[in-house]
All heavy atoms as atom14 arrays in JSON, in Angstrom:
{
  "sequence": "RPAETLSGWMLYTEGDSSRNPHYIRLYEEACERCGMSVHCGIYRPSVL",
  "atom14_mask": [
    [1, 1, 1, 1, 1, 1, 1, 1, 1, 1, 1, 0, 0, 0],
    [1, 1, 1, 1, 1, 1, 1, 0, 0, 0, 0, 0, 0, 0],
    [1, 1, 1, 1, 1, 0, 0, 0, 0, 0, 0, 0, 0, 0],
    [1, 1, 1, 1, 1, 1, 1, 1, 1, 0, 0, 0, 0, 0],
    [1, 1, 1, 1, 1, 1, 1, 0, 0, 0, 0, 0, 0, 0],
    [1, 1, 1, 1, 1, 1, 1, 1, 0, 0, 0, 0, 0, 0],
    [1, 1, 1, 1, 1, 1, 0, 0, 0, 0, 0, 0, 0, 0],
    [1, 1, 1, 1, 0, 0, 0, 0, 0, 0, 0, 0, 0, 0],
    [1, 1, 1, 1, 1, 1, 1, 1, 1, 1, 1, 1, 1, 1],
    [1, 1, 1, 1, 1, 1, 1, 1, 0, 0, 0, 0, 0, 0],
    [1, 1, 1, 1, 1, 1, 1, 1, 0, 0, 0, 0, 0, 0],
    [1, 1, 1, 1, 1, 1, 1, 1, 1, 1, 1, 1, 0, 0],
    [1, 1, 1, 1, 1, 1, 1, 0, 0, 0, 0, 0, 0, 0],
    [1, 1, 1, 1, 1, 1, 1, 1, 1, 0, 0, 0, 0, 0],
    [1, 1, 1, 1, 0, 0, 0, 0, 0, 0, 0, 0, 0, 0],
    [1, 1, 1, 1, 1, 1, 1, 1, 0, 0, 0, 0, 0, 0],
    [1, 1, 1, 1, 1, 1, 0, 0, 0, 0, 0, 0, 0, 0],
    [1, 1, 1, 1, 1, 1, 0, 0, 0, 0, 0, 0, 0, 0],
    [1, 1, 1, 1, 1, 1, 1, 1, 1, 1, 1, 0, 0, 0],
    [1, 1, 1, 1, 1, 1, 1, 1, 0, 0, 0, 0, 0, 0],
    [1, 1, 1, 1, 1, 1, 1, 0, 0, 0, 0, 0, 0, 0],
    [1, 1, 1, 1, 1, 1, 1, 1, 1, 1, 0, 0, 0, 0],
    [1, 1, 1, 1, 1, 1, 1, 1, 1, 1, 1, 1, 0, 0],
    [1, 1, 1, 1, 1, 1, 1, 1, 0, 0, 0, 0, 0, 0],
    [1, 1, 1, 1, 1, 1, 1, 1, 1, 1, 1, 0, 0, 0],
    [1, 1, 1, 1, 1, 1, 1, 1, 0, 0, 0, 0, 0, 0],
    [1, 1, 1, 1, 1, 1, 1, 1, 1, 1, 1, 1, 0, 0],
    [1, 1, 1, 1, 1, 1, 1, 1, 1, 0, 0, 0, 0, 0],
    [1, 1, 1, 1, 1, 1, 1, 1, 1, 0, 0, 0, 0, 0],
    [1, 1, 1, 1, 1, 0, 0, 0, 0, 0, 0, 0, 0, 0],
    [1, 1, 1, 1, 1, 1, 0, 0, 0, 0, 0, 0, 0, 0],
    [1, 1, 1, 1, 1, 1, 1, 1, 1, 0, 0, 0, 0, 0],
    [1, 1, 1, 1, 1, 1, 1, 1, 1, 1, 1, 0, 0, 0],
    [1, 1, 1, 1, 1, 1, 0, 0, 0, 0, 0, 0, 0, 0],
    [1, 1, 1, 1, 0, 0, 0, 0, 0, 0, 0, 0, 0, 0],
    [1, 1, 1, 1, 1, 1, 1, 1, 0, 0, 0, 0, 0, 0],
    [1, 1, 1, 1, 1, 1, 0, 0, 0, 0, 0, 0, 0, 0],
    [1, 1, 1, 1, 1, 1, 1, 0, 0, 0, 0, 0, 0, 0],
    [1, 1, 1, 1, 1, 1, 1, 1, 1, 1, 0, 0, 0, 0],
    [1, 1, 1, 1, 1, 1, 0, 0, 0, 0, 0, 0, 0, 0],
    [1, 1, 1, 1, 0, 0, 0, 0, 0, 0, 0, 0, 0, 0],
    [1, 1, 1, 1, 1, 1, 1, 1, 0, 0, 0, 0, 0, 0],
    [1, 1, 1, 1, 1, 1, 1, 1, 1, 1, 1, 1, 0, 0],
    [1, 1, 1, 1, 1, 1, 1, 1, 1, 1, 1, 0, 0, 0],
    [1, 1, 1, 1, 1, 1, 1, 0, 0, 0, 0, 0, 0, 0],
    [1, 1, 1, 1, 1, 1, 0, 0, 0, 0, 0, 0, 0, 0],
    [1, 1, 1, 1, 1, 1, 1, 0, 0, 0, 0, 0, 0, 0],
    [1, 1, 1, 1, 1, 1, 1, 1, 0, 0, 0, 0, 0, 0]
  ],
  "atom14_positions": [
    [[129.35, 62.65, 66.83], [129.01, 63.51, 67.99], [128.37, 64.78, 67.46], [128.42, 65.06, 66.26], [130.29, 63.8, 68.81], [131.28, 64.63, 68.0], [132.59, 64.79, 68.76], [133.34, 63.53, 68.74], [134.6, 63.48, 69.16], [135.25, 64.53, 69.58], [135.21, 62.32, 69.12], [0.0, 0.0, 0.0], [0.0, 0.0, 0.0], [0.0, 0.0, 0.0]],
    [[127.78, 65.61, 68.3], [127.2, 66.87, 67.84], [128.25, 67.73, 67.13], [129.4, 67.74, 67.5], [126.72, 67.55, 69.16], [126.51, 66.42, 70.09], [127.55, 65.39, 69.74], [0.0, 0.0, 0.0], [0.0, 0.0, 0.0], [0.0, 0.0, 0.0], [0.0, 0.0, 0.0], [0.0, 0.0, 0.0], [0.0, 0.0, 0.0], [0.0, 0.0, 0.0]],
    [[127.78, 68.41, 66.1], [128.71, 69.22, 65.3], [129.37, 70.33, 66.13], [128.75, 70.91, 67.0], [127.94, 69.84, 64.12], [0.0, 0.0, 0.0], [0.0, 0.0, 0.0], [0.0, 0.0, 0.0], [0.0, 0.0, 0.0], [0.0, 0.0, 0.0], [0.0, 0.0, 0.0], [0.0, 0.0, 0.0], [0.0, 0.0, 0.0], [0.0, 0.0, 0.0]],
    [[130.64, 70.56, 65.88], [131.39, 71.62, 66.54], [131.84, 72.63, 65.5], [131.67, 72.39, 64.31], [132.62, 71.0, 67.25], [132.31, 69.84, 68.21], [133.56, 69.09, 68.59], [134.65, 69.6, 68.32], [133.42, 68.02, 69.14], [0.0, 0.0, 0.0], [0.0, 0.0, 0.0], [0.0, 0.0, 0.0], [0.0, 0.0, 0.0], [0.0, 0.0, 0.0]],
    [[132.39, 73.73, 65.95], [132.94, 74.69, 65.02], [134.02, 74.06, 64.22], [134.94, 73.4, 64.78], [133.52, 75.91, 65.78], [132.48, 76.51, 66.56], [134.06, 76.94, 64.82], [0.0, 0.0, 0.0], [0.0, 0.0, 0.0], [0.0, 0.0, 0.0], [0.0, 0.0, 0.0], [0.0, 0.0, 0.0], [0.0, 0.0, 0.0], [0.0, 0.0, 0.0]],
    [[133.97, 74.18, 62.91], [134.92, 73.56, 62.01], [135.16, 72.09, 62.27], [136.25, 71.59, 62.33], [136.26, 74.32, 62.06], [136.22, 75.75, 61.46], [137.63, 76.35, 61.47], [135.66, 75.78, 60.05], [0.0, 0.0, 0.0], [0.0, 0.0, 0.0], [0.0, 0.0, 0.0], [0.0, 0.0, 0.0], [0.0, 0.0, 0.0], [0.0, 0.0, 0.0]],
    [[134.04, 71.37, 62.48], [134.08, 69.94, 62.65], [133.86, 69.29, 61.29], [132.99, 69.71, 60.52], [132.99, 69.47, 63.64], [132.9, 68.09, 63.68], [0.0, 0.0, 0.0], [0.0, 0.0, 0.0], [0.0, 0.0, 0.0], [0.0, 0.0, 0.0], [0.0, 0.0, 0.0], [0.0, 0.0, 0.0], [0.0, 0.0, 0.0], [0.0, 0.0, 0.0]],
    [[134.66, 68.26, 60.97], [134.54, 67.64, 59.67], [134.75, 66.14, 59.7], [134.98, 65.55, 60.75], [0.0, 0.0, 0.0], [0.0, 0.0, 0.0], [0.0, 0.0, 0.0], [0.0, 0.0, 0.0], [0.0, 0.0, 0.0], [0.0, 0.0, 0.0], [0.0, 0.0, 0.0], [0.0, 0.0, 0.0], [0.0, 0.0, 0.0], [0.0, 0.0, 0.0]],
    [[134.67, 65.58, 58.49], [134.85, 64.14, 58.34], [136.05, 63.88, 57.44], [136.36, 64.67, 56.55], [133.66, 63.47, 57.63], [132.32, 63.59, 58.29], [132.1, 63.97, 59.59], [131.06, 63.37, 57.69], [130.71, 63.95, 59.83], [130.07, 63.59, 58.68], [130.64, 62.98, 56.41], [128.71, 63.46, 58.42], [129.26, 62.82, 56.16], [128.33, 63.06, 57.16]],
    [[136.69, 62.76, 57.66], [137.71, 62.22, 56.74], [137.26, 60.83, 56.36], [137.13, 59.95, 57.2], [139.1, 62.21, 57.37], [140.16, 61.7, 56.38], [141.87, 62.13, 56.85], [142.04, 61.21, 58.4], [0.0, 0.0, 0.0], [0.0, 0.0, 0.0], [0.0, 0.0, 0.0], [0.0, 0.0, 0.0], [0.0, 0.0, 0.0], [0.0, 0.0, 0.0]],
    [[136.93, 60.64, 55.06], [136.33, 59.4, 54.62], [137.31, 58.53, 53.82], [137.99, 59.03, 52.94], [135.1, 59.69, 53.77], [133.98, 60.5, 54.46], [132.84, 60.74, 53.48], [133.46, 59.77, 55.69], [0.0, 0.0, 0.0], [0.0, 0.0, 0.0], [0.0, 0.0, 0.0], [0.0, 0.0, 0.0], [0.0, 0.0, 0.0], [0.0, 0.0, 0.0]],
    [[137.33, 57.25, 54.13], [138.08, 56.25, 53.38], [137.13, 55.19, 52.88], [136.07, 54.94, 53.46], [139.09, 55.56, 54.32], [140.31, 56.36, 54.62], [140.33, 57.21, 55.75], [141.46, 56.24, 53.88], [141.48, 57.94, 56.08], [142.61, 56.95, 54.19], [142.61, 57.8, 55.28], [143.73, 58.53, 55.61], [0.0, 0.0, 0.0], [0.0, 0.0, 0.0]],
    [[137.53, 54.51, 51.79], [136.76, 53.4, 51.3], [137.04, 52.16, 52.16], [138.18, 51.96, 52.6], [137.12, 53.07, 49.85], [136.87, 54.25, 49.05], [136.28, 51.93, 49.28], [0.0, 0.0, 0.0], [0.0, 0.0, 0.0], [0.0, 0.0, 0.0], [0.0, 0.0, 0.0], [0.0, 0.0, 0.0], [0.0, 0.0, 0.0], [0.0, 0.0, 0.0]],
    [[136.01, 51.36, 52.42], [136.17, 50.18, 53.21], [137.27, 49.27, 52.63], [137.3, 48.99, 51.44], [134.82, 49.39, 53.23], [134.83, 48.22, 54.21], [133.44, 47.62, 54.28], [132.71, 47.61, 53.22], [133.07, 47.11, 55.35], [0.0, 0.0, 0.0], [0.0, 0.0, 0.0], [0.0, 0.0, 0.0], [0.0, 0.0, 0.0], [0.0, 0.0, 0.0]],
    [[138.19, 48.87, 53.5], [139.29, 47.99, 53.06], [140.44, 48.69, 52.38], [141.37, 48.01, 51.92], [0.0, 0.0, 0.0], [0.0, 0.0, 0.0], [0.0, 0.0, 0.0], [0.0, 0.0, 0.0], [0.0, 0.0, 0.0], [0.0, 0.0, 0.0], [0.0, 0.0, 0.0], [0.0, 0.0, 0.0], [0.0, 0.0, 0.0], [0.0, 0.0, 0.0]],
    [[140.44, 50.02, 52.35], [141.5, 50.73, 51.68], [142.83, 50.56, 52.43], [142.94, 50.86, 53.6], [141.15, 52.22, 51.6], [142.01, 52.99, 50.59], [143.18, 52.63, 50.47], [141.49, 53.9, 49.98], [0.0, 0.0, 0.0], [0.0, 0.0, 0.0], [0.0, 0.0, 0.0], [0.0, 0.0, 0.0], [0.0, 0.0, 0.0], [0.0, 0.0, 0.0]],
    [[143.84, 50.07, 51.73], [145.12, 49.82, 52.36], [145.86, 51.08, 52.78], [146.77, 51.04, 53.57], [146.0, 48.97, 51.42], [146.27, 49.72, 50.23], [0.0, 0.0, 0.0], [0.0, 0.0, 0.0], [0.0, 0.0, 0.0], [0.0, 0.0, 0.0], [0.0, 0.0, 0.0], [0.0, 0.0, 0.0], [0.0, 0.0, 0.0], [0.0, 0.0, 0.0]],
    [[145.45, 52.24, 52.21], [146.14, 53.49, 52.54], [145.65, 54.06, 53.87], [146.2, 55.01, 54.4], [145.91, 54.53, 51.44], [144.56, 54.93, 51.41], [0.0, 0.0, 0.0], [0.0, 0.0, 0.0], [0.0, 0.0, 0.0], [0.0, 0.0, 0.0], [0.0, 0.0, 0.0], [0.0, 0.0, 0.0], [0.0, 0.0, 0.0], [0.0, 0.0, 0.0]],
    [[144.57, 53.46, 54.41], [144.06, 53.93, 55.7], [144.92, 53.35, 56.84], [144.93, 52.18, 57.07], [142.59, 53.51, 55.86], [141.91, 54.13, 57.06], [140.39, 53.77, 57.1], [140.19, 52.41, 57.6], [139.76, 51.43, 56.86], [139.52, 51.58, 55.57], [139.57, 50.21, 57.37], [0.0, 0.0, 0.0], [0.0, 0.0, 0.0], [0.0, 0.0, 0.0]],
    [[145.7, 54.24, 57.5], [146.54, 53.78, 58.59], [146.47, 54.71, 59.77], [146.34, 55.92, 59.58], [147.99, 53.57, 58.1], [148.68, 54.86, 57.73], [149.1, 55.62, 58.58], [148.76, 55.15, 56.43], [0.0, 0.0, 0.0], [0.0, 0.0, 0.0], [0.0, 0.0, 0.0], [0.0, 0.0, 0.0], [0.0, 0.0, 0.0], [0.0, 0.0, 0.0]],
    [[146.57, 54.17, 60.97], [146.39, 54.97, 62.16], [147.35, 56.15, 62.27], [146.99, 57.23, 62.73], [146.6, 53.97, 63.29], [146.32, 52.64, 62.7], [146.75, 52.74, 61.27], [0.0, 0.0, 0.0], [0.0, 0.0, 0.0], [0.0, 0.0, 0.0], [0.0, 0.0, 0.0], [0.0, 0.0, 0.0], [0.0, 0.0, 0.0], [0.0, 0.0, 0.0]],
    [[148.62, 55.96, 61.85], [149.61, 57.02, 61.96], [149.2, 58.22, 61.12], [149.28, 59.37, 61.58], [150.97, 56.49, 61.56], [152.04, 57.6, 61.5], [152.5, 58.21, 62.65], [152.69, 58.18, 60.45], [153.41, 59.15, 62.32], [153.53, 59.11, 61.0], [0.0, 0.0, 0.0], [0.0, 0.0, 0.0], [0.0, 0.0, 0.0], [0.0, 0.0, 0.0]],
    [[148.82, 57.95, 59.9], [148.47, 59.04, 58.98], [147.2, 59.75, 59.48], [147.1, 60.98, 59.43], [148.31, 58.52, 57.57], [148.4, 59.6, 56.5], [149.54, 60.35, 56.38], [147.35, 59.8, 55.6], [149.66, 61.31, 55.37], [147.46, 60.78, 54.6], [148.58, 61.51, 54.5], [148.69, 62.49, 53.5], [0.0, 0.0, 0.0], [0.0, 0.0, 0.0]],
    [[146.22, 59.0, 59.95], [144.98, 59.59, 60.48], [145.32, 60.46, 61.67], [144.76, 61.55, 61.84], [143.97, 58.51, 60.82], [143.45, 57.8, 59.55], [142.82, 59.07, 61.66], [142.61, 56.61, 59.79], [0.0, 0.0, 0.0], [0.0, 0.0, 0.0], [0.0, 0.0, 0.0], [0.0, 0.0, 0.0], [0.0, 0.0, 0.0], [0.0, 0.0, 0.0]],
    [[146.27, 59.98, 62.52], [146.61, 60.76, 63.68], [147.29, 62.08, 63.3], [147.11, 63.12, 63.95], [147.57, 59.93, 64.56], [147.87, 60.59, 65.93], [146.63, 60.88, 66.7], [146.88, 61.68, 67.9], [145.94, 62.37, 68.53], [144.71, 62.38, 68.09], [146.25, 63.07, 69.61], [0.0, 0.0, 0.0], [0.0, 0.0, 0.0], [0.0, 0.0, 0.0]],
    [[148.03, 62.1, 62.2], [148.63, 63.37, 61.72], [147.51, 64.38, 61.46], [147.65, 65.56, 61.77], [149.44, 63.13, 60.45], [150.79, 62.44, 60.6], [151.42, 62.2, 59.22], [151.73, 63.24, 61.48], [0.0, 0.0, 0.0], [0.0, 0.0, 0.0], [0.0, 0.0, 0.0], [0.0, 0.0, 0.0], [0.0, 0.0, 0.0], [0.0, 0.0, 0.0]],
    [[146.42, 63.92, 60.85], [145.3, 64.82, 60.55], [144.63, 65.28, 61.84], [144.29, 66.46, 62.0], [144.3, 64.11, 59.66], [144.65, 64.2, 58.17], [145.4, 63.25, 57.56], [144.18, 65.26, 57.4], [145.74, 63.32, 56.21], [144.5, 65.35, 56.05], [145.28, 64.38, 55.46], [145.58, 64.46, 54.14], [0.0, 0.0, 0.0], [0.0, 0.0, 0.0]],
    [[144.44, 64.33, 62.77], [143.78, 64.69, 64.01], [144.58, 65.72, 64.8], [144.02, 66.71, 65.34], [143.57, 63.43, 64.85], [142.53, 62.46, 64.29], [142.5, 61.17, 65.02], [143.46, 60.8, 65.77], [141.48, 60.42, 64.91], [0.0, 0.0, 0.0], [0.0, 0.0, 0.0], [0.0, 0.0, 0.0], [0.0, 0.0, 0.0], [0.0, 0.0, 0.0]],
    [[145.91, 65.51, 64.83], [146.76, 66.47, 65.56], [146.81, 67.81, 64.9], [146.81, 68.86, 65.58], [148.16, 65.86, 65.72], [148.21, 64.66, 66.64], [149.56, 63.97, 66.63], [150.4, 64.34, 65.76], [149.78, 63.08, 67.48], [0.0, 0.0, 0.0], [0.0, 0.0, 0.0], [0.0, 0.0, 0.0], [0.0, 0.0, 0.0], [0.0, 0.0, 0.0]],
    [[146.87, 67.83, 63.58], [146.87, 69.12, 62.84], [145.56, 69.86, 63.08], [145.56, 71.1, 63.27], [147.11, 68.86, 61.37], [0.0, 0.0, 0.0], [0.0, 0.0, 0.0], [0.0, 0.0, 0.0], [0.0, 0.0, 0.0], [0.0, 0.0, 0.0], [0.0, 0.0, 0.0], [0.0, 0.0, 0.0], [0.0, 0.0, 0.0], [0.0, 0.0, 0.0]],
    [[144.46, 69.13, 63.08], [143.15, 69.76, 63.35], [143.12, 70.34, 64.76], [142.61, 71.45, 64.99], [142.04, 68.78, 63.11], [141.68, 68.44, 61.39], [0.0, 0.0, 0.0], [0.0, 0.0, 0.0], [0.0, 0.0, 0.0], [0.0, 0.0, 0.0], [0.0, 0.0, 0.0], [0.0, 0.0, 0.0], [0.0, 0.0, 0.0], [0.0, 0.0, 0.0]],
    [[143.59, 69.57, 65.73], [143.6, 70.06, 67.11], [144.37, 71.35, 67.26], [143.95, 72.28, 67.98], [144.22, 68.95, 68.02], [143.31, 67.75, 68.21], [144.02, 66.62, 68.96], [145.16, 66.83, 69.41], [143.45, 65.51, 69.04], [0.0, 0.0, 0.0], [0.0, 0.0, 0.0], [0.0, 0.0, 0.0], [0.0, 0.0, 0.0], [0.0, 0.0, 0.0]],
    [[145.51, 71.46, 66.57], [146.32, 72.67, 66.66], [145.59, 73.9, 66.08], [145.86, 75.03, 66.43], [147.64, 72.46, 65.93], [148.63, 71.56, 66.69], [150.02, 71.6, 66.04], [150.04, 71.01, 64.73], [150.33, 69.72, 64.51], [150.56, 68.9, 65.55], [150.36, 69.24, 63.29], [0.0, 0.0, 0.0], [0.0, 0.0, 0.0], [0.0, 0.0, 0.0]],
    [[144.66, 73.6, 65.15], [143.9, 74.7, 64.49], [142.54, 74.91, 65.14], [141.72, 75.7, 64.62], [143.72, 74.38, 63.02], [145.24, 74.49, 62.03], [0.0, 0.0, 0.0], [0.0, 0.0, 0.0], [0.0, 0.0, 0.0], [0.0, 0.0, 0.0], [0.0, 0.0, 0.0], [0.0, 0.0, 0.0], [0.0, 0.0, 0.0], [0.0, 0.0, 0.0]],
    [[142.26, 74.24, 66.25], [140.96, 74.35, 66.9], [139.84, 73.73, 66.09], [138.69, 74.11, 66.19], [0.0, 0.0, 0.0], [0.0, 0.0, 0.0], [0.0, 0.0, 0.0], [0.0, 0.0, 0.0], [0.0, 0.0, 0.0], [0.0, 0.0, 0.0], [0.0, 0.0, 0.0], [0.0, 0.0, 0.0], [0.0, 0.0, 0.0], [0.0, 0.0, 0.0]],
    [[140.17, 72.68, 65.31], [139.22, 71.98, 64.47], [139.11, 70.55, 65.01], [139.89, 70.13, 65.87], [139.66, 71.97, 63.03], [139.79, 73.35, 62.42], [140.76, 73.4, 60.87], [139.8, 72.28, 59.82], [0.0, 0.0, 0.0], [0.0, 0.0, 0.0], [0.0, 0.0, 0.0], [0.0, 0.0, 0.0], [0.0, 0.0, 0.0], [0.0, 0.0, 0.0]],
    [[138.19, 69.81, 64.45], [138.08, 68.37, 64.76], [137.74, 67.63, 63.5], [137.09, 68.17, 62.59], [137.02, 68.08, 65.85], [135.74, 68.4, 65.39], [0.0, 0.0, 0.0], [0.0, 0.0, 0.0], [0.0, 0.0, 0.0], [0.0, 0.0, 0.0], [0.0, 0.0, 0.0], [0.0, 0.0, 0.0], [0.0, 0.0, 0.0], [0.0, 0.0, 0.0]],
    [[138.18, 66.39, 63.4], [137.92, 65.54, 62.25], [137.55, 64.15, 62.74], [138.17, 63.59, 63.64], [139.09, 65.5, 61.3], [140.33, 64.85, 61.93], [138.76, 64.82, 60.0], [0.0, 0.0, 0.0], [0.0, 0.0, 0.0], [0.0, 0.0, 0.0], [0.0, 0.0, 0.0], [0.0, 0.0, 0.0], [0.0, 0.0, 0.0], [0.0, 0.0, 0.0]],
    [[136.48, 63.6, 62.16], [136.01, 62.26, 62.52], [136.19, 61.33, 61.34], [135.74, 61.64, 60.23], [134.5, 62.31, 62.95], [134.24, 63.35, 63.97], [133.02, 64.01, 64.0], [134.96, 63.84, 64.98], [133.09, 64.88, 65.01], [134.23, 64.78, 65.59], [0.0, 0.0, 0.0], [0.0, 0.0, 0.0], [0.0, 0.0, 0.0], [0.0, 0.0, 0.0]],
    [[136.84, 60.21, 61.55], [137.11, 59.27, 60.48], [135.89, 58.41, 60.21], [135.19, 57.97, 61.13], [138.3, 58.38, 60.83], [138.91, 57.4, 59.48], [0.0, 0.0, 0.0], [0.0, 0.0, 0.0], [0.0, 0.0, 0.0], [0.0, 0.0, 0.0], [0.0, 0.0, 0.0], [0.0, 0.0, 0.0], [0.0, 0.0, 0.0], [0.0, 0.0, 0.0]],
    [[135.61, 58.19, 58.94], [134.47, 57.35, 58.56], [134.82, 56.43, 57.38], [135.77, 56.61, 56.66], [0.0, 0.0, 0.0], [0.0, 0.0, 0.0], [0.0, 0.0, 0.0], [0.0, 0.0, 0.0], [0.0, 0.0, 0.0], [0.0, 0.0, 0.0], [0.0, 0.0, 0.0], [0.0, 0.0, 0.0], [0.0, 0.0, 0.0], [0.0, 0.0, 0.0]],
    [[133.97, 55.38, 57.26], [134.16, 54.37, 56.21], [133.02, 54.52, 55.21], [131.87, 54.61, 55.56], [134.14, 52.96, 56.81], [135.2, 52.84, 57.9], [134.35, 51.92, 55.71], [136.59, 53.12, 57.45], [0.0, 0.0, 0.0], [0.0, 0.0, 0.0], [0.0, 0.0, 0.0], [0.0, 0.0, 0.0], [0.0, 0.0, 0.0], [0.0, 0.0, 0.0]],
    [[133.4, 54.53, 53.97], [132.44, 54.72, 52.85], [132.33, 53.41, 52.05], [133.39, 52.81, 51.7], [132.92, 55.86, 51.96], [132.27, 55.91, 50.6], [130.92, 56.17, 50.44], [133.07, 55.76, 49.44], [130.33, 56.22, 49.19], [132.52, 55.82, 48.16], [131.16, 56.05, 48.05], [130.58, 56.1, 46.8], [0.0, 0.0, 0.0], [0.0, 0.0, 0.0]],
    [[131.11, 53.04, 51.75], [130.86, 51.84, 50.92], [130.27, 52.26, 49.58], [129.08, 52.63, 49.5], [129.93, 50.9, 51.68], [130.56, 50.34, 52.96], [129.56, 49.57, 53.81], [130.18, 49.11, 55.03], [130.3, 49.86, 56.13], [129.82, 51.1, 56.13], [130.89, 49.38, 57.19], [0.0, 0.0, 0.0], [0.0, 0.0, 0.0], [0.0, 0.0, 0.0]],
    [[131.08, 52.28, 48.55], [130.61, 52.82, 47.26], [129.5, 52.0, 46.6], [128.79, 52.53, 45.73], [131.89, 52.79, 46.38], [132.77, 51.76, 47.04], [132.49, 51.85, 48.5], [0.0, 0.0, 0.0], [0.0, 0.0, 0.0], [0.0, 0.0, 0.0], [0.0, 0.0, 0.0], [0.0, 0.0, 0.0], [0.0, 0.0, 0.0], [0.0, 0.0, 0.0]],
    [[129.33, 50.75, 47.02], [128.32, 49.91, 46.4], [126.91, 50.5, 46.49], [126.08, 50.34, 45.59], [128.32, 48.5, 46.97], [128.11, 48.57, 48.38], [0.0, 0.0, 0.0], [0.0, 0.0, 0.0], [0.0, 0.0, 0.0], [0.0, 0.0, 0.0], [0.0, 0.0, 0.0], [0.0, 0.0, 0.0], [0.0, 0.0, 0.0], [0.0, 0.0, 0.0]],
    [[126.65, 51.2, 47.61], [125.3, 51.77, 47.81], [125.05, 52.86, 46.79], [123.98, 52.91, 46.13], [125.15, 52.29, 49.25], [123.79, 52.97, 49.44], [125.36, 51.21, 50.28], [0.0, 0.0, 0.0], [0.0, 0.0, 0.0], [0.0, 0.0, 0.0], [0.0, 0.0, 0.0], [0.0, 0.0, 0.0], [0.0, 0.0, 0.0], [0.0, 0.0, 0.0]],
    [[126.01, 53.76, 46.62], [125.86, 54.86, 45.65], [125.78, 54.34, 44.24], [125.0, 54.85, 43.42], [127.02, 55.85, 45.81], [127.01, 57.09, 44.91], [125.72, 57.88, 45.05], [128.21, 57.98, 45.25], [0.0, 0.0, 0.0], [0.0, 0.0, 0.0], [0.0, 0.0, 0.0], [0.0, 0.0, 0.0], [0.0, 0.0, 0.0], [0.0, 0.0, 0.0]]
  ]
}
């Protein structure tokens, strides 16, 4: 979405077992309390 004040990304590697909805939600809620936003994304290292 269009960039907002203190808008950021949280990136995980595709298929990473540590990526779980509960933990991502902790980040989203913490950002909301600080007036920030975070968008989750998937990274494919093979391209780099």
